[in-house]
Amino acid sequence: MLAGRLTTEGGGFAVEEVPVPEPGPGQVLVRVRAAGVCLSDVHLIQGMLAPHPLSGNKVTLGHETAGEVAALGGGVTALAEGDRVVLQAGERRDGTTCTRGVNIDGGWAEYAVAAADAVVPLPPGIPFEQACIIPDAVSTPWAAITSGAHVRPAEAVAVWGVGGLGAHAIQLLRMVGACPVIAVDPLAAARERALRLGADTALDPTDPEFATLLRAASAGGVAAAFDFAGVPAARDQALASLAESGRLVLVGLTDQPFTIRDNLWFCRFRQRVIGHYGSAPEDLVDLVRLVGMGRLDLSGSISAIHPLADAARAVDVLERKEGDPIRLILRP
């Protein structure tokens, strides 16, 4: 089968022929129908993120995966061949929590192996292309909102970076009742997209009047700010936007340090900075239900679909942000 493989220590990325894996006890073999391309995949290829700990020096990328059960390993009774499923981004193996496409083989392949308890049944009304992005592009901002910042209805919030994660954060914040929802992005197209997705206001962070405009839109400051950009300047702006007892949630990944420059203000007004990564297994279950019941529409999130064989091209498009994509999909 074809698989998009990363070789560590500068070995690079390539789509290669590899054997079809076999499911062991308690596992299932999934015929991949769609897999998302995430900025984290780009960071792995660039070397900014390391696939650690990893057995060997190669791993199949892809932590966003949906498909059909193709074969059952020993002892699996809750699933059947042909079942439509979406895979959790992580699972337990040999007593260790592993991340799919990072330190265990992921979904950039024609087939993928997963623990039976790490797959979630997929309702027939959700296309594979939309389902595959839920385990990260949707569940990560969902967890940041619900269990990171604990956003409550009517709280003022702001989102920096309306890309693959931030675009869904706008929808989710509106769904949980945050008000107003303020989008911040330097790209005019991204700001227009944010308004279409439900933002009440969309601001340009390079506007000389930005701070004044944000304070006016939020009536003095936001209760929760979310950095999905991973850019130091965005984090500085987000921190400065907080109201008393405000929470800044850092989701975008960067290797740059974060500095709280006005420690007196930060402490006096009891503000918080919260690091965030990924989501919990139950988040995927909840989101599949929400999408399946029509509470959340992901149809506009699929920017383009590429054949698995052209995975390197998809990575290049995302890295250069060609066309300002929300999510690119690989189809085996």
C-alpha atoms as a PDB file:
ATOM      1  CA  MET A   1       0.000   0.000   0.000  1.00  0.00           C
ATOM      2  CA  LEU A   2       0.993   3.671  -0.273  1.00  0.00           C
ATOM      3  CA  ALA A   3       1.905   5.577   2.888  1.00  0.00           C
ATOM      4  CA  GLY A   4       3.252   9.065   3.561  1.00  0.00           C
ATOM      5  CA  ARG A   5       6.352   8.378   5.647  1.00  0.00           C
ATOM      6  CA  LEU A   6       8.603  10.703   7.627  1.00  0.00           C
ATOM      7  CA  THR A   7      12.193   9.614   8.193  1.00  0.00           C
ATOM      8  CA  THR A   8      13.678  11.209  11.300  1.00  0.00           C
ATOM      9  CA  GLU A   9      17.041  12.952  11.681  1.00  0.00           C
ATOM     10  CA  GLY A  10      16.754  14.850   8.426  1.00  0.00           C
ATOM     11  CA  GLY A  11      15.620  11.919   6.296  1.00  0.00           C
ATOM     12  CA  GLY A  12      12.680  13.858   4.887  1.00  0.00           C
ATOM     13  CA  PHE A  13       9.178  12.932   3.794  1.00  0.00           C
ATOM     14  CA  ALA A  14       8.088  10.682   0.935  1.00  0.00           C
ATOM     15  CA  VAL A  15       5.123   8.592  -0.178  1.00  0.00           C
ATOM     16  CA  GLU A  16       6.358   4.994  -0.247  1.00  0.00           C
ATOM     17  CA  GLU A  17       5.141   1.445  -0.793  1.00  0.00           C
ATOM     18  CA  VAL A  18       4.905  -0.425   2.524  1.00  0.00           C
ATOM     19  CA  PRO A  19       3.208  -3.666   3.622  1.00  0.00           C
ATOM     20  CA  VAL A  20      -0.434  -3.512   4.683  1.00  0.00           C
ATOM     21  CA  PRO A  21      -0.417  -3.746   8.519  1.00  0.00           C
ATOM     22  CA  GLU A  22      -2.217  -6.549  10.315  1.00  0.00           C
ATOM     23  CA  PRO A  23      -4.455  -5.878  13.327  1.00  0.00           C
ATOM     24  CA  GLY A  24      -3.378  -7.525  16.547  1.00  0.00           C
ATOM     25  CA  PRO A  25      -5.576  -8.537  19.475  1.00  0.00           C
ATOM     26  CA  GLY A  26      -7.963  -5.747  20.393  1.00  0.00           C
ATOM     27  CA  GLN A  27      -7.194  -3.826  17.184  1.00  0.00           C
ATOM     28  CA  VAL A  28      -8.938  -3.117  13.887  1.00  0.00           C
ATOM     29  CA  LEU A  29      -7.625  -2.512  10.398  1.00  0.00           C
ATOM     30  CA  VAL A  30      -9.217   0.584   8.869  1.00  0.00           C
ATOM     31  CA  ARG A  31      -9.415   1.282   5.145  1.00  0.00           C
ATOM     32  CA  VAL A  32      -8.644   5.002   5.115  1.00  0.00           C
ATOM     33  CA  ARG A  33     -11.120   7.079   3.132  1.00  0.00           C
ATOM     34  CA  ALA A  34      -9.899  10.539   4.147  1.00  0.00           C
ATOM     35  CA  ALA A  35      -7.081  12.053   6.208  1.00  0.00           C
ATOM     36  CA  GLY A  36      -6.504  15.658   7.207  1.00  0.00           C
ATOM     37  CA  VAL A  37      -3.331  17.670   6.628  1.00  0.00           C
ATOM     38  CA  CYS A  38      -2.509  19.723   9.712  1.00  0.00           C
ATOM     39  CA  LEU A  39       0.112  22.374  10.413  1.00  0.00           C
ATOM     40  CA  SER A  40       1.498  19.965  13.024  1.00  0.00           C
ATOM     41  CA  ASP A  41       2.335  17.597  10.150  1.00  0.00           C
ATOM     42  CA  VAL A  42       4.215  20.430   8.471  1.00  0.00           C
ATOM     43  CA  HIS A  43       6.081  21.117  11.739  1.00  0.00           C
ATOM     44  CA  LEU A  44       7.049  17.443  11.998  1.00  0.00           C
ATOM     45  CA  ILE A  45       8.446  17.476   8.465  1.00  0.00           C
ATOM     46  CA  GLN A  46      10.266  20.742   9.171  1.00  0.00           C
ATOM     47  CA  GLY A  47      11.769  19.268  12.352  1.00  0.00           C
ATOM     48  CA  MET A  48      10.177  21.845  14.655  1.00  0.00           C
ATOM     49  CA  LEU A  49       8.315  18.956  16.322  1.00  0.00           C
ATOM     50  CA  ALA A  50       9.984  15.626  17.040  1.00  0.00           C
ATOM     51  CA  PRO A  51       8.162  12.258  16.769  1.00  0.00           C
ATOM     52  CA  HIS A  52       9.274  11.138  20.233  1.00  0.00           C
ATOM     53  CA  PRO A  53       9.351   8.495  21.551  1.00  0.00           C
ATOM     54  CA  LEU A  54       9.449   6.537  18.298  1.00  0.00           C
ATOM     55  CA  SER A  55      10.376   2.929  17.667  1.00  0.00           C
ATOM     56  CA  GLY A  56      12.704   3.019  14.659  1.00  0.00           C
ATOM     57  CA  ASN A  57      13.341   6.023  12.448  1.00  0.00           C
ATOM     58  CA  LYS A  58      10.185   6.134  10.296  1.00  0.00           C
ATOM     59  CA  VAL A  59       6.542   6.917  10.962  1.00  0.00           C
ATOM     60  CA  THR A  60       3.449   7.314   8.789  1.00  0.00           C
ATOM     61  CA  LEU A  61       2.060  10.803   9.352  1.00  0.00           C
ATOM     62  CA  GLY A  62      -1.571  11.768   9.856  1.00  0.00           C
ATOM     63  CA  HIS A  63      -3.509  12.163  13.106  1.00  0.00           C
ATOM     64  CA  GLU A  64      -6.848  13.021  11.445  1.00  0.00           C
ATOM     65  CA  THR A  65      -8.314   9.845   9.945  1.00  0.00           C
ATOM     66  CA  ALA A  66     -11.678   8.408   8.927  1.00  0.00           C
ATOM     67  CA  GLY A  67     -12.591   5.270   7.032  1.00  0.00           C
ATOM     68  CA  GLU A  68     -14.170   1.828   7.155  1.00  0.00           C
ATOM     69  CA  VAL A  69     -13.296  -1.193   9.259  1.00  0.00           C
ATOM     70  CA  ALA A  70     -11.578  -3.656   6.920  1.00  0.00           C
ATOM     71  CA  ALA A  71     -10.580  -6.421   9.348  1.00  0.00           C
ATOM     72  CA  LEU A  72     -10.907  -7.276  13.036  1.00  0.00           C
ATOM     73  CA  GLY A  73      -8.158  -8.388  15.380  1.00  0.00           C
ATOM     74  CA  GLY A  74      -8.685 -11.066  17.996  1.00  0.00           C
ATOM     75  CA  GLY A  75     -11.267 -10.364  20.669  1.00  0.00           C
ATOM     76  CA  VAL A  76     -12.944  -7.427  18.896  1.00  0.00           C
ATOM     77  CA  THR A  77     -16.727  -7.845  19.053  1.00  0.00           C
ATOM     78  CA  ALA A  78     -18.121  -4.306  19.256  1.00  0.00           C
ATOM     79  CA  LEU A  79     -17.278  -3.517  15.623  1.00  0.00           C
ATOM     80  CA  ALA A  80     -17.891  -5.220  12.285  1.00  0.00           C
ATOM     81  CA  GLU A  81     -16.258  -5.105   8.874  1.00  0.00           C
ATOM     82  CA  GLY A  82     -17.658  -2.225   6.860  1.00  0.00           C
ATOM     83  CA  ASP A  83     -18.426  -0.022   9.869  1.00  0.00           C
ATOM     84  CA  ARG A  84     -17.787   3.664   9.210  1.00  0.00           C
ATOM     85  CA  VAL A  85     -15.434   5.092  11.854  1.00  0.00           C
ATOM     86  CA  VAL A  86     -13.287   8.052  12.793  1.00  0.00           C
ATOM     87  CA  LEU A  87     -10.056   7.458  14.711  1.00  0.00           C
ATOM     88  CA  GLN A  88      -9.037   9.142  17.927  1.00  0.00           C
ATOM     89  CA  ALA A  89      -5.822  11.134  17.474  1.00  0.00           C
ATOM     90  CA  GLY A  90      -4.240   9.175  20.322  1.00  0.00           C
ATOM     91  CA  GLU A  91      -4.500   5.783  21.967  1.00  0.00           C
ATOM     92  CA  ARG A  92      -2.888   3.654  24.659  1.00  0.00           C
ATOM     93  CA  ARG A  93      -0.318   1.108  23.516  1.00  0.00           C
ATOM     94  CA  ASP A  94       1.748  -1.004  25.888  1.00  0.00           C
ATOM     95  CA  GLY A  95       0.719   1.235  28.772  1.00  0.00           C
ATOM     96  CA  THR A  96       1.802   4.435  27.023  1.00  0.00           C
ATOM     97  CA  THR A  97      -0.338   7.182  25.505  1.00  0.00           C
ATOM     98  CA  CYS A  98       0.706   7.529  21.857  1.00  0.00           C
ATOM     99  CA  THR A  99      -0.224  10.087  19.225  1.00  0.00           C
ATOM    100  CA  ARG A 100      -1.254   8.789  15.827  1.00  0.00           C
ATOM    101  CA  GLY A 101       1.008  10.062  13.085  1.00  0.00           C
ATOM    102  CA  VAL A 102       3.624  11.188  15.608  1.00  0.00           C
ATOM    103  CA  ASN A 103       5.008   8.196  17.485  1.00  0.00           C
ATOM    104  CA  ILE A 104       2.735   5.510  16.019  1.00  0.00           C
ATOM    105  CA  ASP A 105       1.747   5.147  12.373  1.00  0.00           C
ATOM    106  CA  GLY A 106      -1.077   7.431  11.306  1.00  0.00           C
ATOM    107  CA  GLY A 107      -3.626   7.817   8.561  1.00  0.00           C
ATOM    108  CA  TRP A 108      -1.663   9.078   5.571  1.00  0.00           C
ATOM    109  CA  ALA A 109      -1.957   5.599   4.124  1.00  0.00           C
ATOM    110  CA  GLU A 110      -4.367   3.279   2.384  1.00  0.00           C
ATOM    111  CA  TYR A 111      -4.818   1.328   5.616  1.00  0.00           C
ATOM    112  CA  ALA A 112      -4.235   2.100   9.296  1.00  0.00           C
ATOM    113  CA  VAL A 113      -4.324   0.003  12.463  1.00  0.00           C
ATOM    114  CA  ALA A 114      -6.049   1.337  15.584  1.00  0.00           C
ATOM    115  CA  ALA A 115      -7.113   0.027  18.962  1.00  0.00           C
ATOM    116  CA  ALA A 116     -10.785  -0.927  18.858  1.00  0.00           C
ATOM    117  CA  ASP A 117     -11.503   1.418  21.767  1.00  0.00           C
ATOM    118  CA  ALA A 118      -9.857   4.299  19.892  1.00  0.00           C
ATOM    119  CA  VAL A 119     -12.357   4.396  17.034  1.00  0.00           C
ATOM    120  CA  VAL A 120     -15.696   6.186  17.145  1.00  0.00           C
ATOM    121  CA  PRO A 121     -18.682   5.026  15.053  1.00  0.00           C
ATOM    122  CA  LEU A 122     -19.564   7.496  12.329  1.00  0.00           C
ATOM    123  CA  PRO A 123     -23.189   8.285  11.394  1.00  0.00           C
ATOM    124  CA  PRO A 124     -23.933   7.795   7.677  1.00  0.00           C
ATOM    125  CA  GLY A 125     -24.752  11.467   7.174  1.00  0.00           C
ATOM    126  CA  ILE A 126     -21.208  12.708   7.877  1.00  0.00           C
ATOM    127  CA  PRO A 127     -18.890  12.537   4.830  1.00  0.00           C
ATOM    128  CA  PHE A 128     -15.465  11.011   5.484  1.00  0.00           C
ATOM    129  CA  GLU A 129     -13.780  14.243   4.367  1.00  0.00           C
ATOM    130  CA  GLN A 130     -15.542  16.176   7.119  1.00  0.00           C
ATOM    131  CA  ALA A 131     -15.323  13.420   9.716  1.00  0.00           C
ATOM    132  CA  CYS A 132     -11.559  13.031   9.487  1.00  0.00           C
ATOM    133  CA  ILE A 133     -10.840  16.588  10.648  1.00  0.00           C
ATOM    134  CA  ILE A 134     -12.886  16.323  13.843  1.00  0.00           C
ATOM    135  CA  PRO A 135     -10.134  14.603  15.947  1.00  0.00           C
ATOM    136  CA  ASP A 136      -7.923  17.714  15.871  1.00  0.00           C
ATOM    137  CA  ALA A 137      -9.080  20.670  13.775  1.00  0.00           C
ATOM    138  CA  VAL A 138     -12.398  20.646  15.635  1.00  0.00           C
ATOM    139  CA  SER A 139     -11.760  18.801  18.896  1.00  0.00           C
ATOM    140  CA  THR A 140      -8.655  20.813  19.843  1.00  0.00           C
ATOM    141  CA  PRO A 141     -10.441  24.197  19.825  1.00  0.00           C
ATOM    142  CA  TRP A 142     -13.484  22.555  21.417  1.00  0.00           C
ATOM    143  CA  ALA A 143     -11.381  21.312  24.333  1.00  0.00           C
ATOM    144  CA  ALA A 144      -9.582  24.661  24.579  1.00  0.00           C
ATOM    145  CA  ILE A 145     -12.945  26.396  24.874  1.00  0.00           C
ATOM    146  CA  THR A 146     -14.773  23.983  27.164  1.00  0.00           C
ATOM    147  CA  SER A 147     -12.089  22.492  29.421  1.00  0.00           C
ATOM    148  CA  GLY A 148      -9.273  24.998  28.927  1.00  0.00           C
ATOM    149  CA  ALA A 149     -10.930  28.401  29.256  1.00  0.00           C
ATOM    150  CA  HIS A 150     -14.285  27.109  30.579  1.00  0.00           C
ATOM    151  CA  VAL A 151     -16.110  29.688  28.481  1.00  0.00           C
ATOM    152  CA  ARG A 152     -19.559  30.579  29.762  1.00  0.00           C
ATOM    153  CA  PRO A 153     -22.536  32.021  27.836  1.00  0.00           C
ATOM    154  CA  ALA A 154     -22.420  35.793  27.263  1.00  0.00           C
ATOM    155  CA  GLU A 155     -18.664  36.043  27.949  1.00  0.00           C
ATOM    156  CA  ALA A 156     -16.666  38.225  25.566  1.00  0.00           C
ATOM    157  CA  VAL A 157     -14.004  36.241  23.709  1.00  0.00           C
ATOM    158  CA  ALA A 158     -11.396  36.812  20.997  1.00  0.00           C
ATOM    159  CA  VAL A 159      -9.622  34.456  18.603  1.00  0.00           C
ATOM    160  CA  TRP A 160      -6.217  35.193  17.089  1.00  0.00           C
ATOM    161  CA  GLY A 161      -5.692  33.292  13.814  1.00  0.00           C
ATOM    162  CA  VAL A 162      -8.707  32.159  11.786  1.00  0.00           C
ATOM    163  CA  GLY A 163      -7.048  29.176  10.091  1.00  0.00           C
ATOM    164  CA  GLY A 164      -7.469  25.431  10.485  1.00  0.00           C
ATOM    165  CA  LEU A 165      -8.232  25.598  14.216  1.00  0.00           C
ATOM    166  CA  GLY A 166      -9.366  29.177  14.677  1.00  0.00           C
ATOM    167  CA  ALA A 167     -12.086  28.939  12.030  1.00  0.00           C
ATOM    168  CA  HIS A 168     -13.709  26.140  13.998  1.00  0.00           C
ATOM    169  CA  ALA A 169     -13.169  27.991  17.263  1.00  0.00           C
ATOM    170  CA  ILE A 170     -15.343  30.821  15.908  1.00  0.00           C
ATOM    171  CA  GLN A 171     -18.188  28.386  15.186  1.00  0.00           C
ATOM    172  CA  LEU A 172     -17.820  26.584  18.497  1.00  0.00           C
ATOM    173  CA  LEU A 173     -17.648  29.748  20.592  1.00  0.00           C
ATOM    174  CA  ARG A 174     -20.847  30.982  19.011  1.00  0.00           C
ATOM    175  CA  MET A 175     -22.434  27.568  19.628  1.00  0.00           C
ATOM    176  CA  VAL A 176     -21.660  27.664  23.371  1.00  0.00           C
ATOM    177  CA  GLY A 177     -23.084  31.177  23.662  1.00  0.00           C
ATOM    178  CA  ALA A 178     -19.980  33.386  23.913  1.00  0.00           C
ATOM    179  CA  CYS A 179     -20.807  37.003  23.106  1.00  0.00           C
ATOM    180  CA  PRO A 180     -19.328  38.919  21.478  1.00  0.00           C
ATOM    181  CA  VAL A 181     -17.014  36.672  19.451  1.00  0.00           C
ATOM    182  CA  ILE A 182     -14.130  38.746  18.081  1.00  0.00           C
ATOM    183  CA  ALA A 183     -11.864  37.419  15.312  1.00  0.00           C
ATOM    184  CA  VAL A 184      -8.341  38.768  14.823  1.00  0.00           C
ATOM    185  CA  ASP A 185      -6.381  38.036  11.647  1.00  0.00           C
ATOM    186  CA  PRO A 186      -4.141  40.119   9.356  1.00  0.00           C
ATOM    187  CA  LEU A 187      -5.656  38.575   6.198  1.00  0.00           C
ATOM    188  CA  ALA A 188      -8.777  40.271   4.860  1.00  0.00           C
ATOM    189  CA  ALA A 189     -10.052  36.961   3.445  1.00  0.00           C
ATOM    190  CA  ALA A 190      -9.700  35.310   6.857  1.00  0.00           C
ATOM    191  CA  ARG A 191     -11.585  38.145   8.545  1.00  0.00           C
ATOM    192  CA  GLU A 192     -14.391  37.879   5.992  1.00  0.00           C
ATOM    193  CA  ARG A 193     -14.496  34.113   6.582  1.00  0.00           C
ATOM    194  CA  ALA A 194     -14.711  34.677  10.340  1.00  0.00           C
ATOM    195  CA  LEU A 195     -17.765  36.891   9.899  1.00  0.00           C
ATOM    196  CA  ARG A 196     -19.415  34.242   7.705  1.00  0.00           C
ATOM    197  CA  LEU A 197     -18.733  31.626  10.389  1.00  0.00           C
ATOM    198  CA  GLY A 198     -20.391  33.673  13.110  1.00  0.00           C
ATOM    199  CA  ALA A 199     -17.904  36.208  14.493  1.00  0.00           C
ATOM    200  CA  ASP A 200     -19.539  39.425  15.644  1.00  0.00           C
ATOM    201  CA  THR A 201     -16.484  41.531  14.814  1.00  0.00           C
ATOM    202  CA  ALA A 202     -13.312  40.894  12.801  1.00  0.00           C
ATOM    203  CA  LEU A 203     -10.248  43.063  13.419  1.00  0.00           C
ATOM    204  CA  ASP A 204      -6.914  43.568  11.700  1.00  0.00           C
ATOM    205  CA  PRO A 205      -4.113  43.245  14.301  1.00  0.00           C
ATOM    206  CA  THR A 206      -1.933  45.646  12.279  1.00  0.00           C
ATOM    207  CA  ASP A 207      -4.498  48.451  12.501  1.00  0.00           C
ATOM    208  CA  PRO A 208      -3.006  51.337  14.540  1.00  0.00           C
ATOM    209  CA  GLU A 209      -6.367  51.616  16.322  1.00  0.00           C
ATOM    210  CA  PHE A 210      -6.529  47.878  17.079  1.00  0.00           C
ATOM    211  CA  ALA A 211      -6.366  48.128  20.885  1.00  0.00           C
ATOM    212  CA  THR A 212      -9.050  50.802  20.965  1.00  0.00           C
ATOM    213  CA  LEU A 213     -11.303  48.870  18.583  1.00  0.00           C
ATOM    214  CA  LEU A 214     -10.974  45.652  20.577  1.00  0.00           C
ATOM    215  CA  ARG A 215     -11.715  47.372  23.880  1.00  0.00           C
ATOM    216  CA  ALA A 216     -14.793  48.971  22.325  1.00  0.00           C
ATOM    217  CA  ALA A 217     -16.016  45.703  20.810  1.00  0.00           C
ATOM    218  CA  SER A 218     -15.562  43.800  24.080  1.00  0.00           C
ATOM    219  CA  ALA A 219     -16.764  46.561  26.428  1.00  0.00           C
ATOM    220  CA  GLY A 220     -13.379  46.843  28.126  1.00  0.00           C
ATOM    221  CA  GLY A 221     -11.661  43.495  27.593  1.00  0.00           C
ATOM    222  CA  VAL A 222     -12.306  39.826  26.885  1.00  0.00           C
ATOM    223  CA  ALA A 223     -12.929  37.084  29.407  1.00  0.00           C
ATOM    224  CA  ALA A 224     -11.063  34.591  27.248  1.00  0.00           C
ATOM    225  CA  ALA A 225      -8.517  35.025  24.459  1.00  0.00           C
ATOM    226  CA  PHE A 226      -7.326  32.188  22.241  1.00  0.00           C
ATOM    227  CA  ASP A 227      -4.032  32.159  20.354  1.00  0.00           C
ATOM    228  CA  PHE A 228      -4.275  29.802  17.397  1.00  0.00           C
ATOM    229  CA  ALA A 229      -1.556  31.625  15.464  1.00  0.00           C
ATOM    230  CA  GLY A 230       1.486  30.669  17.552  1.00  0.00           C
ATOM    231  CA  VAL A 231       3.022  34.083  16.868  1.00  0.00           C
ATOM    232  CA  PRO A 232       4.664  36.087  19.697  1.00  0.00           C
ATOM    233  CA  ALA A 233       3.072  39.372  18.582  1.00  0.00           C
ATOM    234  CA  ALA A 234      -0.367  37.754  18.610  1.00  0.00           C
ATOM    235  CA  ARG A 235       0.202  36.414  22.114  1.00  0.00           C
ATOM    236  CA  ASP A 236       1.240  39.851  23.351  1.00  0.00           C
ATOM    237  CA  GLN A 237      -1.909  41.405  21.879  1.00  0.00           C
ATOM    238  CA  ALA A 238      -4.099  38.639  23.294  1.00  0.00           C
ATOM    239  CA  LEU A 239      -2.680  39.038  26.781  1.00  0.00           C
ATOM    240  CA  ALA A 240      -3.189  42.798  26.640  1.00  0.00           C
ATOM    241  CA  SER A 241      -6.827  42.267  25.633  1.00  0.00           C
ATOM    242  CA  LEU A 242      -7.810  40.427  28.828  1.00  0.00           C
ATOM    243  CA  ALA A 243     -10.303  41.816  31.293  1.00  0.00           C
ATOM    244  CA  GLU A 244     -10.075  41.192  35.018  1.00  0.00           C
ATOM    245  CA  SER A 245      -9.765  37.425  35.713  1.00  0.00           C
ATOM    246  CA  GLY A 246      -9.303  36.896  31.965  1.00  0.00           C
ATOM    247  CA  ARG A 247      -7.807  33.689  30.561  1.00  0.00           C
ATOM    248  CA  LEU A 248      -5.346  33.443  27.680  1.00  0.00           C
ATOM    249  CA  VAL A 249      -5.239  29.975  26.115  1.00  0.00           C
ATOM    250  CA  LEU A 250      -2.145  29.196  24.049  1.00  0.00           C
ATOM    251  CA  VAL A 251      -2.974  26.636  21.346  1.00  0.00           C
ATOM    252  CA  GLY A 252      -0.808  27.603  18.368  1.00  0.00           C
ATOM    253  CA  LEU A 253       2.580  25.895  18.495  1.00  0.00           C
ATOM    254  CA  THR A 254       5.812  27.882  18.391  1.00  0.00           C
ATOM    255  CA  ASP A 255       9.397  27.474  19.530  1.00  0.00           C
ATOM    256  CA  GLN A 256       9.520  31.129  20.622  1.00  0.00           C
ATOM    257  CA  PRO A 257       9.399  32.122  24.329  1.00  0.00           C
ATOM    258  CA  PHE A 258       6.399  33.862  25.838  1.00  0.00           C
ATOM    259  CA  THR A 259       6.995  36.773  28.197  1.00  0.00           C
ATOM    260  CA  ILE A 260       4.571  38.495  30.566  1.00  0.00           C
ATOM    261  CA  ARG A 261       5.916  42.032  30.375  1.00  0.00           C
ATOM    262  CA  ASP A 262       3.548  43.750  32.817  1.00  0.00           C
ATOM    263  CA  ASN A 263       3.686  41.376  35.761  1.00  0.00           C
ATOM    264  CA  LEU A 264       2.052  43.891  38.135  1.00  0.00           C
ATOM    265  CA  TRP A 265      -1.051  44.256  35.934  1.00  0.00           C
ATOM    266  CA  PHE A 266      -1.201  40.486  35.327  1.00  0.00           C
ATOM    267  CA  CYS A 267      -1.120  39.674  39.037  1.00  0.00           C
ATOM    268  CA  ARG A 268      -3.287  42.551  40.207  1.00  0.00           C
ATOM    269  CA  PHE A 269      -6.126  41.555  37.885  1.00  0.00           C
ATOM    270  CA  ARG A 270      -5.706  37.817  38.551  1.00  0.00           C
ATOM    271  CA  GLN A 271      -5.251  36.862  34.924  1.00  0.00           C
ATOM    272  CA  ARG A 272      -4.171  33.408  33.731  1.00  0.00           C
ATOM    273  CA  VAL A 273      -2.180  31.885  30.875  1.00  0.00           C
ATOM    274  CA  ILE A 274      -3.137  28.315  29.996  1.00  0.00           C
ATOM    275  CA  GLY A 275      -1.211  25.995  27.720  1.00  0.00           C
ATOM    276  CA  HIS A 276      -3.352  23.687  25.623  1.00  0.00           C
ATOM    277  CA  TYR A 277      -2.742  20.674  23.380  1.00  0.00           C
ATOM    278  CA  GLY A 278      -5.193  18.225  21.823  1.00  0.00           C
ATOM    279  CA  SER A 279      -8.374  16.953  23.420  1.00  0.00           C
ATOM    280  CA  ALA A 280      -9.854  14.120  25.479  1.00  0.00           C
ATOM    281  CA  PRO A 281     -11.423  10.971  23.963  1.00  0.00           C
ATOM    282  CA  GLU A 282     -14.906  12.023  25.019  1.00  0.00           C
ATOM    283  CA  ASP A 283     -14.556  15.277  23.063  1.00  0.00           C
ATOM    284  CA  LEU A 284     -14.509  13.382  19.763  1.00  0.00           C
ATOM    285  CA  VAL A 285     -17.567  11.379  20.794  1.00  0.00           C
ATOM    286  CA  ASP A 286     -19.455  14.564  21.682  1.00  0.00           C
ATOM    287  CA  LEU A 287     -18.458  16.359  18.484  1.00  0.00           C
ATOM    288  CA  VAL A 288     -19.438  13.451  16.226  1.00  0.00           C
ATOM    289  CA  ARG A 289     -22.862  13.611  17.877  1.00  0.00           C
ATOM    290  CA  LEU A 290     -23.089  17.385  17.390  1.00  0.00           C
ATOM    291  CA  VAL A 291     -22.095  17.172  13.726  1.00  0.00           C
ATOM    292  CA  GLY A 292     -24.377  14.205  13.145  1.00  0.00           C
ATOM    293  CA  MET A 293     -27.337  16.076  14.654  1.00  0.00           C
ATOM    294  CA  GLY A 294     -26.698  19.137  12.510  1.00  0.00           C
ATOM    295  CA  ARG A 295     -25.564  21.421  15.333  1.00  0.00           C
ATOM    296  CA  LEU A 296     -22.180  21.995  13.672  1.00  0.00           C
ATOM    297  CA  ASP A 297     -21.636  22.385   9.922  1.00  0.00           C
ATOM    298  CA  LEU A 298     -18.175  21.424   8.638  1.00  0.00           C
ATOM    299  CA  SER A 299     -19.027  21.487   4.939  1.00  0.00           C
ATOM    300  CA  GLY A 300     -17.180  24.764   4.434  1.00  0.00           C
ATOM    301  CA  SER A 301     -14.025  23.542   6.157  1.00  0.00           C
ATOM    302  CA  ILE A 302     -12.696  21.382   3.320  1.00  0.00           C
ATOM    303  CA  SER A 303     -10.549  23.674   1.206  1.00  0.00           C
ATOM    304  CA  ALA A 304      -9.211  21.040  -1.218  1.00  0.00           C
ATOM    305  CA  ILE A 305      -8.805  17.288  -1.646  1.00  0.00           C
ATOM    306  CA  HIS A 306      -5.494  15.808  -2.846  1.00  0.00           C
ATOM    307  CA  PRO A 307      -4.651  12.216  -3.774  1.00  0.00           C
ATOM    308  CA  LEU A 308      -2.489  10.475  -1.174  1.00  0.00           C
ATOM    309  CA  ALA A 309       0.238  10.159  -3.802  1.00  0.00           C
ATOM    310  CA  ASP A 310       0.404  13.979  -3.890  1.00  0.00           C
ATOM    311  CA  ALA A 311       0.793  14.391  -0.123  1.00  0.00           C
ATOM    312  CA  ALA A 312       4.028  16.375  -0.546  1.00  0.00           C
ATOM    313  CA  ARG A 313       2.156  18.858  -2.720  1.00  0.00           C
ATOM    314  CA  ALA A 314      -0.551  19.257  -0.056  1.00  0.00           C
ATOM    315  CA  VAL A 315       2.101  19.878   2.604  1.00  0.00           C
ATOM    316  CA  ASP A 316       3.676  22.568   0.421  1.00  0.00           C
ATOM    317  CA  VAL A 317       0.301  24.260  -0.169  1.00  0.00           C
ATOM    318  CA  LEU A 318      -0.401  24.354   3.572  1.00  0.00           C
ATOM    319  CA  GLU A 319       3.096  25.532   4.470  1.00  0.00           C
ATOM    320  CA  ARG A 320       2.811  28.455   2.044  1.00  0.00           C
ATOM    321  CA  LYS A 321      -0.870  28.999   2.995  1.00  0.00           C
ATOM    322  CA  GLU A 322      -1.733  28.985  -0.694  1.00  0.00           C
ATOM    323  CA  GLY A 323      -5.382  29.957  -1.010  1.00  0.00           C
ATOM    324  CA  ASP A 324      -5.661  30.470   2.772  1.00  0.00           C
ATOM    325  CA  PRO A 325      -6.935  26.921   3.432  1.00  0.00           C
ATOM    326  CA  ILE A 326      -8.904  25.801   6.462  1.00  0.00           C
ATOM    327  CA  ARG A 327      -8.208  22.091   5.967  1.00  0.00           C
ATOM    328  CA  LEU A 328      -6.657  20.074   3.133  1.00  0.00           C
ATOM    329  CA  ILE A 329      -7.640  16.436   2.772  1.00  0.00           C
ATOM    330  CA  LEU A 330      -5.740  13.424   1.460  1.00  0.00           C
ATOM    331  CA  ARG A 331      -7.794  10.728  -0.239  1.00  0.00           C
ATOM    332  CA  PRO A 332      -6.107   7.323  -0.781  1.00  0.00           C
END
